[in-house]
Amino acid sequence: MNARSQRLAGVDEAGRGPLAGPVVCASVILHPRRPIEGLGDSKALNESTRERLFPIIQERCLAWQVIFVPRDEIDELNILWATMAGMRRVLAALDPAPTHAIIDGDRVPPGLCCPATCLVKGDSLEPAIMAASILAKVSRDRHMIELNQRYPGYGFDRHKGYPTAEHLLALDRLGPCPEHRLSFAPVRASQLSLFEPTTR
């Protein structure tokens, strides 16, 4: 297969570290004749830049997909294997199908629909992974803002579920909501604290 006919998919995720919400996996096949200026690691770009690039990536790329792996599946599988499952699904959903995938990180998920390699710090090195990282982060951030409306008091619109001091204090005060990852230690600790007897 010559280079022109190859369809290289970049794959990245957002949300492995938070205490609440889904992990979001994205895949992008960039169009070889429709370059996108300004791509970069989503964590290094500010919010307005990510939001500006989000529709441009969707419009100019050859294919893109975003998959949400919900909280209950994270608790069932653990965060690593839930992420691996999301990456498998997001690649399988691409149309046209990729001929090769390049995965951000140091592990290739098993059972992918195409050959793949991994690339440590790929979200700052490979444009297709950069594009995927932007789609994943923007999609997850928007979802967490929506969850803030459903579950007020935790500050999901500000910290996006990450274990900030504000979030940990809210967990201690309110206990976990249905979107909290019960398998994560700070969430388990907050559950236990709700049942500890108070002494005077």
N, C-alpha and C. Protein backbone atom coordinates (compact mmCIF):
# COMPACT_ATOMS: atom_id res chain seq x y z
N MET A 1 0.85 -1.20 0.00
CA MET A 1 0.00 0.00 0.00
C MET A 1 0.89 1.25 0.00
N ASN A 2 0.67 2.13 -0.94
CA ASN A 2 1.52 3.31 -0.98
C ASN A 2 1.08 4.33 0.04
N ALA A 3 1.96 5.30 0.29
CA ALA A 3 1.71 6.26 1.36
C ALA A 3 0.44 7.07 1.10
N ARG A 4 0.12 7.34 -0.15
CA ARG A 4 -1.04 8.17 -0.46
C ARG A 4 -2.34 7.47 -0.07
N SER A 5 -2.37 6.13 -0.17
CA SER A 5 -3.59 5.39 0.13
C SER A 5 -3.71 5.00 1.60
N GLN A 6 -2.71 5.26 2.40
CA GLN A 6 -2.79 4.92 3.82
C GLN A 6 -3.70 5.90 4.55
N ARG A 7 -4.42 5.36 5.51
CA ARG A 7 -5.28 6.18 6.35
C ARG A 7 -4.81 6.02 7.80
N LEU A 8 -4.00 6.95 8.24
CA LEU A 8 -3.41 6.91 9.58
C LEU A 8 -4.36 7.57 10.57
N ALA A 9 -4.78 6.83 11.58
CA ALA A 9 -5.66 7.36 12.62
C ALA A 9 -4.88 7.66 13.88
N GLY A 10 -4.99 8.88 14.36
CA GLY A 10 -4.45 9.23 15.66
C GLY A 10 -5.51 8.96 16.72
N VAL A 11 -5.08 8.45 17.87
CA VAL A 11 -6.00 8.09 18.95
C VAL A 11 -5.49 8.67 20.27
N ASP A 12 -6.39 9.29 21.00
CA ASP A 12 -6.04 9.82 22.32
C ASP A 12 -7.28 9.78 23.20
N GLU A 13 -7.08 10.03 24.49
CA GLU A 13 -8.17 10.03 25.46
C GLU A 13 -8.10 11.27 26.34
N ALA A 14 -9.21 11.54 27.01
CA ALA A 14 -9.25 12.58 28.03
C ALA A 14 -10.05 12.04 29.20
N GLY A 15 -9.53 12.26 30.40
CA GLY A 15 -10.31 11.91 31.58
C GLY A 15 -9.89 10.65 32.32
N ARG A 16 -8.64 10.26 32.22
CA ARG A 16 -8.21 9.10 33.02
C ARG A 16 -8.05 9.44 34.49
N GLY A 17 -7.64 10.67 34.78
CA GLY A 17 -7.33 11.03 36.15
C GLY A 17 -8.48 11.51 37.03
N PRO A 18 -9.58 12.01 36.47
CA PRO A 18 -10.65 12.56 37.30
C PRO A 18 -11.32 11.52 38.19
N LEU A 19 -12.03 12.01 39.19
CA LEU A 19 -12.78 11.17 40.12
C LEU A 19 -14.21 10.95 39.65
N ALA A 20 -14.64 11.67 38.63
CA ALA A 20 -16.03 11.59 38.19
C ALA A 20 -16.11 11.74 36.67
N GLY A 21 -17.21 11.22 36.12
CA GLY A 21 -17.48 11.37 34.70
C GLY A 21 -16.83 10.28 33.87
N PRO A 22 -17.08 10.30 32.58
CA PRO A 22 -16.55 9.27 31.68
C PRO A 22 -15.09 9.53 31.31
N VAL A 23 -14.47 8.50 30.75
CA VAL A 23 -13.24 8.71 30.00
C VAL A 23 -13.67 8.79 28.54
N VAL A 24 -13.11 9.73 27.80
CA VAL A 24 -13.52 10.00 26.43
C VAL A 24 -12.36 9.70 25.49
N CYS A 25 -12.62 8.84 24.50
CA CYS A 25 -11.60 8.48 23.52
C CYS A 25 -11.99 9.07 22.16
N ALA A 26 -11.00 9.55 21.43
CA ALA A 26 -11.25 10.14 20.12
C ALA A 26 -10.24 9.60 19.12
N SER A 27 -10.66 9.51 17.88
CA SER A 27 -9.75 9.13 16.79
C SER A 27 -9.99 10.05 15.60
N VAL A 28 -8.91 10.37 14.91
CA VAL A 28 -8.98 11.29 13.77
C VAL A 28 -8.06 10.78 12.66
N ILE A 29 -8.58 10.75 11.43
CA ILE A 29 -7.76 10.55 10.24
C ILE A 29 -7.70 11.91 9.54
N LEU A 30 -6.55 12.53 9.55
CA LEU A 30 -6.41 13.84 8.91
C LEU A 30 -6.44 13.69 7.39
N HIS A 31 -6.93 14.71 6.73
CA HIS A 31 -6.96 14.73 5.26
C HIS A 31 -5.59 15.21 4.77
N PRO A 32 -4.95 14.46 3.87
CA PRO A 32 -3.59 14.84 3.45
C PRO A 32 -3.53 16.18 2.71
N ARG A 33 -4.66 16.62 2.14
CA ARG A 33 -4.63 17.86 1.36
C ARG A 33 -5.41 18.99 2.04
N ARG A 34 -5.77 18.80 3.30
CA ARG A 34 -6.51 19.84 4.01
C ARG A 34 -5.85 20.07 5.38
N PRO A 35 -4.68 20.69 5.40
CA PRO A 35 -3.94 20.87 6.65
C PRO A 35 -4.69 21.78 7.63
N ILE A 36 -4.43 21.57 8.90
CA ILE A 36 -5.06 22.37 9.96
C ILE A 36 -3.95 23.06 10.74
N GLU A 37 -3.95 24.37 10.71
CA GLU A 37 -2.93 25.13 11.43
C GLU A 37 -3.31 25.26 12.90
N GLY A 38 -2.28 25.24 13.75
CA GLY A 38 -2.50 25.49 15.17
C GLY A 38 -2.72 24.27 16.03
N LEU A 39 -2.62 23.07 15.45
CA LEU A 39 -2.79 21.87 16.26
C LEU A 39 -1.69 21.77 17.31
N GLY A 40 -2.03 21.17 18.44
CA GLY A 40 -1.07 20.98 19.51
C GLY A 40 -1.68 20.09 20.57
N ASP A 41 -0.89 19.78 21.57
CA ASP A 41 -1.38 19.01 22.71
C ASP A 41 -2.53 19.78 23.35
N SER A 42 -3.68 19.13 23.49
CA SER A 42 -4.86 19.84 24.01
C SER A 42 -4.62 20.42 25.39
N LYS A 43 -3.77 19.77 26.18
CA LYS A 43 -3.50 20.27 27.54
C LYS A 43 -2.69 21.56 27.51
N ALA A 44 -1.95 21.77 26.42
CA ALA A 44 -1.11 22.97 26.31
C ALA A 44 -1.84 24.13 25.64
N LEU A 45 -2.99 23.85 25.04
CA LEU A 45 -3.77 24.90 24.38
C LEU A 45 -4.80 25.46 25.35
N ASN A 46 -5.11 26.75 25.23
CA ASN A 46 -6.15 27.30 26.10
C ASN A 46 -7.53 26.91 25.59
N GLU A 47 -8.52 27.14 26.43
CA GLU A 47 -9.87 26.68 26.12
C GLU A 47 -10.41 27.29 24.83
N SER A 48 -10.19 28.58 24.63
CA SER A 48 -10.73 29.23 23.43
C SER A 48 -10.09 28.67 22.17
N THR A 49 -8.81 28.33 22.22
CA THR A 49 -8.14 27.74 21.05
C THR A 49 -8.68 26.36 20.77
N ARG A 50 -8.87 25.56 21.82
CA ARG A 50 -9.44 24.22 21.62
C ARG A 50 -10.84 24.32 21.01
N GLU A 51 -11.65 25.22 21.53
CA GLU A 51 -13.01 25.37 21.01
C GLU A 51 -13.01 25.84 19.55
N ARG A 52 -12.05 26.70 19.20
CA ARG A 52 -11.96 27.17 17.82
C ARG A 52 -11.56 26.05 16.88
N LEU A 53 -10.63 25.19 17.33
CA LEU A 53 -10.13 24.12 16.47
C LEU A 53 -11.11 22.96 16.35
N PHE A 54 -11.96 22.76 17.34
CA PHE A 54 -12.85 21.61 17.38
C PHE A 54 -13.66 21.46 16.08
N PRO A 55 -14.42 22.47 15.64
CA PRO A 55 -15.20 22.29 14.41
C PRO A 55 -14.33 22.25 13.15
N ILE A 56 -13.17 22.91 13.20
CA ILE A 56 -12.28 22.88 12.04
C ILE A 56 -11.77 21.46 11.81
N ILE A 57 -11.38 20.79 12.89
CA ILE A 57 -10.92 19.39 12.78
C ILE A 57 -12.03 18.53 12.20
N GLN A 58 -13.23 18.67 12.73
CA GLN A 58 -14.34 17.85 12.25
C GLN A 58 -14.64 18.09 10.77
N GLU A 59 -14.50 19.33 10.35
CA GLU A 59 -14.86 19.67 8.97
C GLU A 59 -13.77 19.28 7.97
N ARG A 60 -12.50 19.39 8.38
CA ARG A 60 -11.41 19.19 7.42
C ARG A 60 -10.83 17.78 7.40
N CYS A 61 -11.05 17.00 8.43
CA CYS A 61 -10.41 15.69 8.47
C CYS A 61 -11.13 14.70 7.56
N LEU A 62 -10.49 13.59 7.31
CA LEU A 62 -11.08 12.55 6.49
C LEU A 62 -12.13 11.76 7.28
N ALA A 63 -11.87 11.56 8.56
CA ALA A 63 -12.83 10.85 9.43
C ALA A 63 -12.51 11.18 10.88
N TRP A 64 -13.56 11.16 11.72
CA TRP A 64 -13.36 11.37 13.16
C TRP A 64 -14.46 10.64 13.92
N GLN A 65 -14.14 10.28 15.16
CA GLN A 65 -15.12 9.67 16.06
C GLN A 65 -14.75 10.03 17.50
N VAL A 66 -15.77 10.12 18.34
CA VAL A 66 -15.60 10.32 19.78
C VAL A 66 -16.47 9.30 20.50
N ILE A 67 -15.89 8.61 21.47
CA ILE A 67 -16.60 7.58 22.24
C ILE A 67 -16.50 7.91 23.73
N PHE A 68 -17.62 7.82 24.44
CA PHE A 68 -17.66 8.00 25.89
C PHE A 68 -17.72 6.62 26.56
N VAL A 69 -16.82 6.38 27.49
CA VAL A 69 -16.88 5.17 28.31
C VAL A 69 -17.39 5.59 29.68
N PRO A 70 -18.57 5.12 30.08
CA PRO A 70 -19.21 5.68 31.27
C PRO A 70 -18.58 5.23 32.58
N ARG A 71 -18.99 5.93 33.63
CA ARG A 71 -18.45 5.70 34.97
C ARG A 71 -18.61 4.25 35.42
N ASP A 72 -19.76 3.63 35.18
CA ASP A 72 -19.97 2.27 35.68
C ASP A 72 -19.03 1.28 35.01
N GLU A 73 -18.72 1.50 33.73
CA GLU A 73 -17.77 0.61 33.05
C GLU A 73 -16.36 0.83 33.56
N ILE A 74 -16.01 2.06 33.90
CA ILE A 74 -14.70 2.33 34.50
C ILE A 74 -14.57 1.57 35.82
N ASP A 75 -15.62 1.61 36.64
CA ASP A 75 -15.57 0.90 37.92
C ASP A 75 -15.52 -0.61 37.72
N GLU A 76 -16.17 -1.10 36.68
CA GLU A 76 -16.20 -2.55 36.44
C GLU A 76 -14.86 -3.05 35.91
N LEU A 77 -14.26 -2.33 34.96
CA LEU A 77 -13.05 -2.82 34.28
C LEU A 77 -11.76 -2.31 34.91
N ASN A 78 -11.77 -1.16 35.52
CA ASN A 78 -10.70 -0.28 35.99
C ASN A 78 -10.37 0.70 34.87
N ILE A 79 -9.73 1.80 35.21
CA ILE A 79 -9.58 2.91 34.27
C ILE A 79 -8.70 2.54 33.08
N LEU A 80 -7.68 1.72 33.29
CA LEU A 80 -6.81 1.33 32.17
C LEU A 80 -7.59 0.54 31.13
N TRP A 81 -8.31 -0.49 31.56
CA TRP A 81 -8.99 -1.36 30.61
C TRP A 81 -10.23 -0.70 30.03
N ALA A 82 -10.84 0.21 30.78
CA ALA A 82 -11.94 0.98 30.21
C ALA A 82 -11.42 1.88 29.08
N THR A 83 -10.24 2.46 29.26
CA THR A 83 -9.63 3.29 28.22
C THR A 83 -9.28 2.45 27.01
N MET A 84 -8.71 1.26 27.24
CA MET A 84 -8.39 0.37 26.13
C MET A 84 -9.66 0.01 25.33
N ALA A 85 -10.74 -0.28 26.05
CA ALA A 85 -12.01 -0.61 25.38
C ALA A 85 -12.51 0.57 24.55
N GLY A 86 -12.40 1.78 25.10
CA GLY A 86 -12.82 2.96 24.36
C GLY A 86 -12.01 3.18 23.10
N MET A 87 -10.71 2.93 23.18
CA MET A 87 -9.86 3.09 22.00
C MET A 87 -10.21 2.07 20.91
N ARG A 88 -10.51 0.84 21.32
CA ARG A 88 -10.95 -0.16 20.34
C ARG A 88 -12.23 0.29 19.63
N ARG A 89 -13.18 0.77 20.40
CA ARG A 89 -14.48 1.17 19.83
C ARG A 89 -14.34 2.37 18.91
N VAL A 90 -13.53 3.33 19.32
CA VAL A 90 -13.45 4.56 18.54
C VAL A 90 -12.76 4.31 17.20
N LEU A 91 -11.79 3.40 17.16
CA LEU A 91 -11.15 3.05 15.90
C LEU A 91 -12.10 2.26 15.00
N ALA A 92 -12.83 1.33 15.61
CA ALA A 92 -13.76 0.51 14.83
C ALA A 92 -14.89 1.33 14.23
N ALA A 93 -15.20 2.49 14.83
CA ALA A 93 -16.30 3.33 14.35
C ALA A 93 -15.90 4.25 13.20
N LEU A 94 -14.62 4.36 12.89
CA LEU A 94 -14.19 5.27 11.83
C LEU A 94 -14.67 4.80 10.45
N ASP A 95 -15.07 5.74 9.65
CA ASP A 95 -15.48 5.46 8.28
C ASP A 95 -15.01 6.62 7.38
N PRO A 96 -14.03 6.36 6.50
CA PRO A 96 -13.46 5.07 6.15
C PRO A 96 -12.58 4.49 7.26
N ALA A 97 -12.41 3.18 7.18
CA ALA A 97 -11.64 2.49 8.21
C ALA A 97 -10.16 2.85 8.11
N PRO A 98 -9.47 2.93 9.24
CA PRO A 98 -8.03 3.23 9.19
C PRO A 98 -7.23 2.02 8.71
N THR A 99 -6.10 2.29 8.08
CA THR A 99 -5.17 1.23 7.72
C THR A 99 -4.09 1.06 8.77
N HIS A 100 -3.90 2.08 9.60
CA HIS A 100 -2.93 2.01 10.69
C HIS A 100 -3.37 3.03 11.75
N ALA A 101 -3.09 2.71 13.01
CA ALA A 101 -3.39 3.64 14.10
C ALA A 101 -2.13 3.95 14.87
N ILE A 102 -2.07 5.16 15.36
CA ILE A 102 -0.97 5.55 16.24
C ILE A 102 -1.59 6.05 17.53
N ILE A 103 -1.22 5.39 18.63
CA ILE A 103 -1.87 5.56 19.93
C ILE A 103 -0.99 6.41 20.82
N ASP A 104 -1.57 7.42 21.45
CA ASP A 104 -0.81 8.21 22.42
C ASP A 104 -0.52 7.36 23.65
N GLY A 105 0.73 7.30 24.06
CA GLY A 105 1.09 6.56 25.26
C GLY A 105 2.06 5.44 24.98
N ASP A 106 2.13 4.49 25.92
CA ASP A 106 3.14 3.43 25.84
C ASP A 106 2.53 2.04 25.70
N ARG A 107 1.22 1.98 25.34
CA ARG A 107 0.58 0.67 25.22
C ARG A 107 -0.42 0.68 24.07
N VAL A 108 -0.36 -0.36 23.25
CA VAL A 108 -1.34 -0.55 22.19
C VAL A 108 -2.47 -1.43 22.73
N PRO A 109 -3.72 -0.98 22.67
CA PRO A 109 -4.82 -1.81 23.15
C PRO A 109 -4.92 -3.10 22.35
N PRO A 110 -5.26 -4.19 23.00
CA PRO A 110 -5.44 -5.45 22.27
C PRO A 110 -6.73 -5.42 21.45
N GLY A 111 -6.74 -6.21 20.38
CA GLY A 111 -7.95 -6.41 19.61
C GLY A 111 -8.37 -5.26 18.72
N LEU A 112 -7.42 -4.44 18.28
CA LEU A 112 -7.78 -3.32 17.41
C LEU A 112 -8.14 -3.82 16.01
N CYS A 113 -8.87 -2.98 15.28
CA CYS A 113 -9.34 -3.34 13.95
C CYS A 113 -8.26 -3.16 12.88
N CYS A 114 -7.09 -2.63 13.25
CA CYS A 114 -6.02 -2.40 12.29
C CYS A 114 -4.69 -2.47 13.01
N PRO A 115 -3.59 -2.60 12.29
CA PRO A 115 -2.27 -2.54 12.94
C PRO A 115 -2.09 -1.18 13.62
N ALA A 116 -1.28 -1.17 14.68
CA ALA A 116 -1.11 0.08 15.45
C ALA A 116 0.26 0.12 16.09
N THR A 117 0.70 1.33 16.35
CA THR A 117 1.90 1.56 17.14
C THR A 117 1.56 2.59 18.20
N CYS A 118 2.37 2.63 19.26
CA CYS A 118 2.15 3.63 20.30
C CYS A 118 3.28 4.65 20.24
N LEU A 119 3.00 5.83 20.76
CA LEU A 119 3.96 6.93 20.74
C LEU A 119 3.83 7.72 22.04
N VAL A 120 4.84 7.62 22.89
CA VAL A 120 4.85 8.37 24.14
C VAL A 120 4.91 9.87 23.83
N LYS A 121 4.07 10.64 24.50
CA LYS A 121 3.92 12.07 24.25
C LYS A 121 3.50 12.36 22.81
N GLY A 122 2.74 11.44 22.24
CA GLY A 122 2.29 11.60 20.87
C GLY A 122 1.41 12.81 20.67
N ASP A 123 0.72 13.25 21.75
CA ASP A 123 -0.14 14.41 21.60
C ASP A 123 0.63 15.71 21.41
N SER A 124 1.94 15.66 21.55
CA SER A 124 2.75 16.83 21.23
C SER A 124 3.68 16.58 20.04
N LEU A 125 3.57 15.39 19.42
CA LEU A 125 4.48 15.03 18.33
C LEU A 125 3.77 14.71 17.02
N GLU A 126 2.60 14.10 17.08
CA GLU A 126 1.92 13.60 15.89
C GLU A 126 0.62 14.38 15.67
N PRO A 127 0.49 15.07 14.52
CA PRO A 127 -0.70 15.91 14.29
C PRO A 127 -2.03 15.17 14.43
N ALA A 128 -2.12 13.92 13.96
CA ALA A 128 -3.38 13.19 14.07
C ALA A 128 -3.75 12.94 15.52
N ILE A 129 -2.76 12.69 16.37
CA ILE A 129 -3.03 12.51 17.80
C ILE A 129 -3.39 13.85 18.43
N MET A 130 -2.71 14.92 18.02
CA MET A 130 -3.08 16.25 18.51
C MET A 130 -4.55 16.54 18.25
N ALA A 131 -4.99 16.26 17.02
CA ALA A 131 -6.39 16.50 16.66
C ALA A 131 -7.32 15.66 17.51
N ALA A 132 -6.97 14.38 17.72
CA ALA A 132 -7.79 13.51 18.55
C ALA A 132 -7.83 14.01 19.99
N SER A 133 -6.71 14.49 20.49
CA SER A 133 -6.68 14.97 21.88
C SER A 133 -7.60 16.17 22.06
N ILE A 134 -7.68 17.03 21.06
CA ILE A 134 -8.56 18.21 21.13
C ILE A 134 -10.03 17.77 21.12
N LEU A 135 -10.38 16.85 20.22
CA LEU A 135 -11.77 16.38 20.18
C LEU A 135 -12.16 15.72 21.49
N ALA A 136 -11.25 14.91 22.05
CA ALA A 136 -11.56 14.22 23.30
C ALA A 136 -11.73 15.20 24.45
N LYS A 137 -10.82 16.14 24.58
CA LYS A 137 -10.88 17.05 25.72
C LYS A 137 -12.08 18.00 25.63
N VAL A 138 -12.33 18.57 24.48
CA VAL A 138 -13.46 19.48 24.34
C VAL A 138 -14.77 18.73 24.59
N SER A 139 -14.88 17.53 24.05
CA SER A 139 -16.10 16.74 24.25
C SER A 139 -16.31 16.44 25.73
N ARG A 140 -15.25 16.06 26.41
CA ARG A 140 -15.40 15.73 27.83
C ARG A 140 -15.69 16.97 28.67
N ASP A 141 -14.99 18.07 28.39
CA ASP A 141 -15.23 19.30 29.16
C ASP A 141 -16.68 19.76 29.01
N ARG A 142 -17.21 19.70 27.80
CA ARG A 142 -18.60 20.09 27.59
C ARG A 142 -19.54 19.18 28.37
N HIS A 143 -19.23 17.89 28.39
CA HIS A 143 -20.07 16.94 29.12
C HIS A 143 -20.04 17.23 30.62
N MET A 144 -18.88 17.56 31.15
CA MET A 144 -18.78 17.83 32.58
C MET A 144 -19.53 19.11 32.95
N ILE A 145 -19.58 20.09 32.05
CA ILE A 145 -20.38 21.29 32.30
C ILE A 145 -21.86 20.93 32.36
N GLU A 146 -22.29 20.00 31.50
CA GLU A 146 -23.67 19.52 31.56
C GLU A 146 -23.94 18.78 32.87
N LEU A 147 -22.98 17.96 33.31
CA LEU A 147 -23.17 17.24 34.56
C LEU A 147 -23.26 18.19 35.75
N ASN A 148 -22.61 19.34 35.65
CA ASN A 148 -22.71 20.32 36.73
C ASN A 148 -24.15 20.80 36.92
N GLN A 149 -24.91 20.85 35.83
CA GLN A 149 -26.31 21.24 35.95
C GLN A 149 -27.12 20.15 36.64
N ARG A 150 -26.78 18.89 36.38
CA ARG A 150 -27.51 17.78 36.99
C ARG A 150 -27.13 17.56 38.44
N TYR A 151 -25.86 17.79 38.74
CA TYR A 151 -25.34 17.52 40.09
C TYR A 151 -24.62 18.77 40.60
N PRO A 152 -25.37 19.80 40.97
CA PRO A 152 -24.74 21.04 41.44
C PRO A 152 -24.06 20.83 42.80
N GLY A 153 -23.09 21.68 43.05
CA GLY A 153 -22.42 21.64 44.34
C GLY A 153 -21.02 21.08 44.29
N TYR A 154 -20.70 20.31 43.26
CA TYR A 154 -19.36 19.71 43.18
C TYR A 154 -18.37 20.58 42.41
N GLY A 155 -18.85 21.47 41.58
CA GLY A 155 -17.96 22.32 40.79
C GLY A 155 -17.44 21.66 39.53
N PHE A 156 -18.21 20.72 38.96
CA PHE A 156 -17.75 20.01 37.76
C PHE A 156 -17.44 20.96 36.61
N ASP A 157 -18.12 22.09 36.54
CA ASP A 157 -17.88 23.03 35.45
C ASP A 157 -16.52 23.70 35.57
N ARG A 158 -15.94 23.68 36.75
CA ARG A 158 -14.62 24.32 36.95
C ARG A 158 -13.48 23.31 36.90
N HIS A 159 -13.56 22.25 37.68
CA HIS A 159 -12.43 21.31 37.76
C HIS A 159 -12.60 20.08 36.86
N LYS A 160 -13.78 19.93 36.24
CA LYS A 160 -14.05 18.85 35.29
C LYS A 160 -13.88 17.46 35.90
N GLY A 161 -14.04 17.37 37.21
CA GLY A 161 -13.97 16.08 37.89
C GLY A 161 -12.61 15.71 38.44
N TYR A 162 -11.59 16.53 38.17
CA TYR A 162 -10.26 16.23 38.69
C TYR A 162 -10.22 16.45 40.21
N PRO A 163 -9.29 15.80 40.90
CA PRO A 163 -9.27 15.84 42.37
C PRO A 163 -8.65 17.12 42.94
N THR A 164 -9.27 18.25 42.63
CA THR A 164 -8.82 19.52 43.21
C THR A 164 -9.27 19.61 44.67
N ALA A 165 -8.72 20.59 45.39
CA ALA A 165 -9.13 20.80 46.77
C ALA A 165 -10.62 21.08 46.86
N GLU A 166 -11.13 21.89 45.92
CA GLU A 166 -12.56 22.20 45.91
C GLU A 166 -13.40 20.93 45.76
N HIS A 167 -12.99 20.06 44.85
CA HIS A 167 -13.74 18.83 44.60
C HIS A 167 -13.70 17.91 45.81
N LEU A 168 -12.54 17.75 46.42
CA LEU A 168 -12.42 16.87 47.58
C LEU A 168 -13.25 17.37 48.75
N LEU A 169 -13.29 18.67 48.94
CA LEU A 169 -14.13 19.23 50.00
C LEU A 169 -15.60 18.98 49.73
N ALA A 170 -16.01 19.12 48.46
CA ALA A 170 -17.40 18.85 48.11
C ALA A 170 -17.75 17.38 48.31
N LEU A 171 -16.81 16.50 47.99
CA LEU A 171 -17.04 15.06 48.22
C LEU A 171 -17.25 14.77 49.70
N ASP A 172 -16.42 15.36 50.54
CA ASP A 172 -16.57 15.16 51.98
C ASP A 172 -17.91 15.69 52.49
N ARG A 173 -18.36 16.80 51.90
CA ARG A 173 -19.60 17.43 52.36
C ARG A 173 -20.84 16.72 51.84
N LEU A 174 -20.81 16.34 50.55
CA LEU A 174 -22.01 15.84 49.89
C LEU A 174 -22.02 14.33 49.68
N GLY A 175 -20.84 13.70 49.75
CA GLY A 175 -20.74 12.31 49.33
C GLY A 175 -20.75 12.21 47.82
N PRO A 176 -20.53 11.03 47.26
CA PRO A 176 -20.47 10.87 45.80
C PRO A 176 -21.84 10.97 45.16
N CYS A 177 -21.85 11.47 43.92
CA CYS A 177 -23.06 11.46 43.09
C CYS A 177 -22.98 10.25 42.16
N PRO A 178 -24.01 9.98 41.36
CA PRO A 178 -23.98 8.81 40.48
C PRO A 178 -22.87 8.83 39.43
N GLU A 179 -22.24 9.97 39.20
CA GLU A 179 -21.16 10.05 38.21
C GLU A 179 -19.78 9.87 38.82
N HIS A 180 -19.69 9.70 40.13
CA HIS A 180 -18.38 9.51 40.76
C HIS A 180 -17.91 8.07 40.59
N ARG A 181 -16.60 7.92 40.38
CA ARG A 181 -15.99 6.61 40.17
C ARG A 181 -15.74 5.97 41.53
N LEU A 182 -16.58 5.01 41.88
CA LEU A 182 -16.55 4.43 43.21
C LEU A 182 -15.29 3.61 43.46
N SER A 183 -14.61 3.20 42.40
CA SER A 183 -13.38 2.42 42.55
C SER A 183 -12.16 3.28 42.83
N PHE A 184 -12.30 4.60 42.74
CA PHE A 184 -11.16 5.50 42.99
C PHE A 184 -11.08 5.80 44.49
N ALA A 185 -9.86 5.76 45.02
CA ALA A 185 -9.66 5.82 46.47
C ALA A 185 -10.29 7.05 47.13
N PRO A 186 -10.14 8.27 46.62
CA PRO A 186 -10.76 9.42 47.31
C PRO A 186 -12.29 9.33 47.37
N VAL A 187 -12.90 8.70 46.36
CA VAL A 187 -14.35 8.54 46.37
C VAL A 187 -14.75 7.50 47.40
N ARG A 188 -14.02 6.39 47.47
CA ARG A 188 -14.28 5.38 48.50
C ARG A 188 -14.15 5.98 49.88
N ALA A 189 -13.11 6.80 50.07
CA ALA A 189 -12.90 7.42 51.38
C ALA A 189 -14.05 8.34 51.75
N SER A 190 -14.59 9.05 50.78
CA SER A 190 -15.70 9.96 51.07
C SER A 190 -16.95 9.18 51.44
N GLN A 191 -17.15 7.99 50.85
CA GLN A 191 -18.28 7.15 51.23
C GLN A 191 -18.15 6.69 52.67
N LEU A 192 -16.95 6.25 53.03
CA LEU A 192 -16.74 5.77 54.39
C LEU A 192 -16.96 6.87 55.41
N SER A 193 -16.53 8.10 55.06
CA SER A 193 -16.63 9.19 56.02
C SER A 193 -18.07 9.53 56.32
N LEU A 194 -18.98 9.24 55.37
CA LEU A 194 -20.40 9.54 55.60
C LEU A 194 -20.99 8.66 56.70
N PHE A 195 -20.37 7.49 56.89
CA PHE A 195 -20.91 6.54 57.87
C PHE A 195 -20.12 6.50 59.17
N GLU A 196 -19.08 7.31 59.26
CA GLU A 196 -18.32 7.36 60.51
C GLU A 196 -19.13 8.08 61.57
N PRO A 197 -19.21 7.52 62.79
CA PRO A 197 -19.96 8.20 63.84
C PRO A 197 -19.27 9.49 64.26
N THR A 198 -20.05 10.50 64.54
CA THR A 198 -19.49 11.75 65.03
C THR A 198 -19.38 11.69 66.53
N THR A 199 -18.35 12.26 67.06
CA THR A 199 -18.15 12.28 68.52
C THR A 199 -18.16 13.71 68.99
N ARG A 200 -18.67 13.92 70.16
CA ARG A 200 -18.73 15.27 70.73
C ARG A 200 -17.92 15.31 72.01
